[in-house]
Amino acid sequence: MEKMTVKISEDVFERLEEDNLKQAEEALAKGMFEVAENLGVLTLIKSGLMTQLNIMGYHIWNKIKESKTVPQLAEEISKDFEVPYETALEDVKVFLKDLIDSGFVIYE
């Protein structure tokens, strides 16, 4: 599955929580990672299901829109957040598993 492209399901509605996004970005800039991590910045809705993404999920979600493979996503997250590639890869896999199980994203 790592070679397959990750794609957002067509029937997903998203709502940006602008105030929370601003707060999360400010918290990250101050090194307050736990605060940023606990803020829901993007709400996803699909067929009666709803979930909120934190700042990391928001960045991964936006990269999924560019049709990336799991390793490509992990590489970009590793660079963007200055974390080891293996850490980013595990985080991306866990994130995607939850979204795939809920039908928010699919593999192509």
C-alpha atoms as a PDB file:
ATOM      1  CA  MET A   1       0.000   0.000   0.000  1.00  0.00           C
ATOM      2  CA  GLU A   2       2.941   2.335   0.482  1.00  0.00           C
ATOM      3  CA  LYS A   3       3.367   2.614  -3.288  1.00  0.00           C
ATOM      4  CA  MET A   4      -0.295   3.504  -3.787  1.00  0.00           C
ATOM      5  CA  THR A   5      -1.463   7.094  -3.946  1.00  0.00           C
ATOM      6  CA  VAL A   6      -3.601   8.395  -1.099  1.00  0.00           C
ATOM      7  CA  LYS A   7      -6.717  10.301  -2.176  1.00  0.00           C
ATOM      8  CA  ILE A   8      -9.495  12.139  -0.332  1.00  0.00           C
ATOM      9  CA  SER A   9     -12.945  10.590  -0.798  1.00  0.00           C
ATOM     10  CA  GLU A  10     -15.158  12.699  -3.043  1.00  0.00           C
ATOM     11  CA  ASP A  11     -18.007  13.100  -0.548  1.00  0.00           C
ATOM     12  CA  VAL A  12     -15.976  14.681   2.266  1.00  0.00           C
ATOM     13  CA  PHE A  13     -16.925  18.170   3.409  1.00  0.00           C
ATOM     14  CA  GLU A  14     -14.290  20.150   5.283  1.00  0.00           C
ATOM     15  CA  ARG A  15     -14.548  23.221   7.486  1.00  0.00           C
ATOM     16  CA  LEU A  16     -11.468  25.169   8.550  1.00  0.00           C
ATOM     17  CA  GLU A  17     -11.533  26.336  12.173  1.00  0.00           C
ATOM     18  CA  GLU A  18      -9.613  29.542  11.485  1.00  0.00           C
ATOM     19  CA  ASP A  19      -9.266  30.752  15.087  1.00  0.00           C
ATOM     20  CA  ASN A  20      -7.962  27.364  16.224  1.00  0.00           C
ATOM     21  CA  LEU A  21      -5.551  27.218  13.280  1.00  0.00           C
ATOM     22  CA  LYS A  22      -4.144  30.620  14.200  1.00  0.00           C
ATOM     23  CA  GLN A  23      -3.776  29.570  17.855  1.00  0.00           C
ATOM     24  CA  ALA A  24      -2.089  26.299  16.854  1.00  0.00           C
ATOM     25  CA  GLU A  25       0.367  28.063  14.540  1.00  0.00           C
ATOM     26  CA  GLU A  26       1.207  30.573  17.284  1.00  0.00           C
ATOM     27  CA  ALA A  27       1.699  27.745  19.786  1.00  0.00           C
ATOM     28  CA  LEU A  28       4.033  25.921  17.381  1.00  0.00           C
ATOM     29  CA  ALA A  29       6.053  29.090  16.837  1.00  0.00           C
ATOM     30  CA  LYS A  30       6.523  29.319  20.618  1.00  0.00           C
ATOM     31  CA  GLY A  31       7.499  25.661  20.912  1.00  0.00           C
ATOM     32  CA  MET A  32       4.253  24.781  22.684  1.00  0.00           C
ATOM     33  CA  PHE A  33       3.727  21.547  20.760  1.00  0.00           C
ATOM     34  CA  GLU A  34       1.279  19.966  23.204  1.00  0.00           C
ATOM     35  CA  VAL A  35      -1.019  23.001  23.038  1.00  0.00           C
ATOM     36  CA  ALA A  36      -0.924  23.003  19.230  1.00  0.00           C
ATOM     37  CA  GLU A  37      -1.529  19.264  19.089  1.00  0.00           C
ATOM     38  CA  ASN A  38      -4.716  19.519  21.165  1.00  0.00           C
ATOM     39  CA  LEU A  39      -6.468  22.093  18.967  1.00  0.00           C
ATOM     40  CA  GLY A  40      -8.897  20.919  16.283  1.00  0.00           C
ATOM     41  CA  VAL A  41      -8.143  23.057  13.229  1.00  0.00           C
ATOM     42  CA  LEU A  42     -10.049  21.235  10.472  1.00  0.00           C
ATOM     43  CA  THR A  43     -13.427  19.514  10.773  1.00  0.00           C
ATOM     44  CA  LEU A  44     -14.189  16.716   8.296  1.00  0.00           C
ATOM     45  CA  ILE A  45     -17.735  15.487   7.656  1.00  0.00           C
ATOM     46  CA  LYS A  46     -18.757  12.461   5.586  1.00  0.00           C
ATOM     47  CA  SER A  47     -22.050  10.547   5.591  1.00  0.00           C
ATOM     48  CA  GLY A  48     -22.930  11.422   9.173  1.00  0.00           C
ATOM     49  CA  LEU A  49     -19.370  10.927  10.449  1.00  0.00           C
ATOM     50  CA  MET A  50     -17.397  13.855  11.782  1.00  0.00           C
ATOM     51  CA  THR A  51     -13.806  14.189  12.951  1.00  0.00           C
ATOM     52  CA  GLN A  52     -11.438  17.019  13.747  1.00  0.00           C
ATOM     53  CA  LEU A  53      -7.814  17.193  12.713  1.00  0.00           C
ATOM     54  CA  ASN A  54      -5.082  18.875  14.716  1.00  0.00           C
ATOM     55  CA  ILE A  55      -2.317  20.935  13.123  1.00  0.00           C
ATOM     56  CA  MET A  56      -0.274  17.881  12.066  1.00  0.00           C
ATOM     57  CA  GLY A  57      -3.361  16.208  10.610  1.00  0.00           C
ATOM     58  CA  TYR A  58      -4.240  19.431   8.826  1.00  0.00           C
ATOM     59  CA  HIS A  59      -0.831  19.540   7.136  1.00  0.00           C
ATOM     60  CA  ILE A  60      -1.017  15.873   6.131  1.00  0.00           C
ATOM     61  CA  TRP A  61      -4.570  16.392   4.830  1.00  0.00           C
ATOM     62  CA  ASN A  62      -3.435  19.276   2.619  1.00  0.00           C
ATOM     63  CA  LYS A  63      -0.590  17.155   1.243  1.00  0.00           C
ATOM     64  CA  ILE A  64      -3.019  14.324   0.449  1.00  0.00           C
ATOM     65  CA  LYS A  65      -4.796  16.789  -1.866  1.00  0.00           C
ATOM     66  CA  GLU A  66      -1.618  16.739  -3.987  1.00  0.00           C
ATOM     67  CA  SER A  67      -1.912  12.945  -4.579  1.00  0.00           C
ATOM     68  CA  LYS A  68       1.041  11.559  -2.662  1.00  0.00           C
ATOM     69  CA  THR A  69       2.185   8.100  -1.631  1.00  0.00           C
ATOM     70  CA  VAL A  70       2.687   7.287   2.055  1.00  0.00           C
ATOM     71  CA  PRO A  71       6.516   7.577   1.820  1.00  0.00           C
ATOM     72  CA  GLN A  72       6.183  10.913   0.007  1.00  0.00           C
ATOM     73  CA  LEU A  73       3.849  12.209   2.706  1.00  0.00           C
ATOM     74  CA  ALA A  74       6.224  11.045   5.438  1.00  0.00           C
ATOM     75  CA  GLU A  75       9.231  12.636   3.746  1.00  0.00           C
ATOM     76  CA  GLU A  76       7.498  16.007   3.486  1.00  0.00           C
ATOM     77  CA  ILE A  77       6.180  15.872   7.060  1.00  0.00           C
ATOM     78  CA  SER A  78       9.671  14.927   8.262  1.00  0.00           C
ATOM     79  CA  LYS A  79      11.101  18.039   6.607  1.00  0.00           C
ATOM     80  CA  ASP A  80       8.240  20.378   7.553  1.00  0.00           C
ATOM     81  CA  PHE A  81       8.212  19.428  11.236  1.00  0.00           C
ATOM     82  CA  GLU A  82      11.915  18.557  11.567  1.00  0.00           C
ATOM     83  CA  VAL A  83      11.304  15.037  12.865  1.00  0.00           C
ATOM     84  CA  PRO A  84      13.074  11.830  11.828  1.00  0.00           C
ATOM     85  CA  TYR A  85      11.644  10.182   8.710  1.00  0.00           C
ATOM     86  CA  GLU A  86      10.761   6.966  10.589  1.00  0.00           C
ATOM     87  CA  THR A  87       8.790   8.958  13.166  1.00  0.00           C
ATOM     88  CA  ALA A  88       6.925  10.822  10.435  1.00  0.00           C
ATOM     89  CA  LEU A  89       6.246   7.564   8.577  1.00  0.00           C
ATOM     90  CA  GLU A  90       4.689   5.941  11.653  1.00  0.00           C
ATOM     91  CA  ASP A  91       2.611   9.060  12.376  1.00  0.00           C
ATOM     92  CA  VAL A  92       1.363   9.199   8.778  1.00  0.00           C
ATOM     93  CA  LYS A  93       0.444   5.502   8.802  1.00  0.00           C
ATOM     94  CA  VAL A  94      -1.539   5.812  12.040  1.00  0.00           C
ATOM     95  CA  PHE A  95      -3.253   8.971  10.790  1.00  0.00           C
ATOM     96  CA  LEU A  96      -4.192   7.372   7.469  1.00  0.00           C
ATOM     97  CA  LYS A  97      -5.436   4.143   9.041  1.00  0.00           C
ATOM     98  CA  ASP A  98      -8.036   6.041  11.058  1.00  0.00           C
ATOM     99  CA  LEU A  99      -9.148   8.078   8.038  1.00  0.00           C
ATOM    100  CA  ILE A 100      -9.272   5.043   5.740  1.00  0.00           C
ATOM    101  CA  ASP A 101     -11.256   3.047   8.301  1.00  0.00           C
ATOM    102  CA  SER A 102     -13.760   5.931   8.455  1.00  0.00           C
ATOM    103  CA  GLY A 103     -13.875   6.362   4.658  1.00  0.00           C
ATOM    104  CA  PHE A 104     -12.432   9.871   4.584  1.00  0.00           C
ATOM    105  CA  VAL A 105      -9.500   8.806   2.383  1.00  0.00           C
ATOM    106  CA  ILE A 106      -8.853   5.937  -0.016  1.00  0.00           C
ATOM    107  CA  TYR A 107      -5.886   4.366  -1.791  1.00  0.00           C
ATOM    108  CA  GLU A 108      -5.637   4.416  -5.588  1.00  0.00           C
END
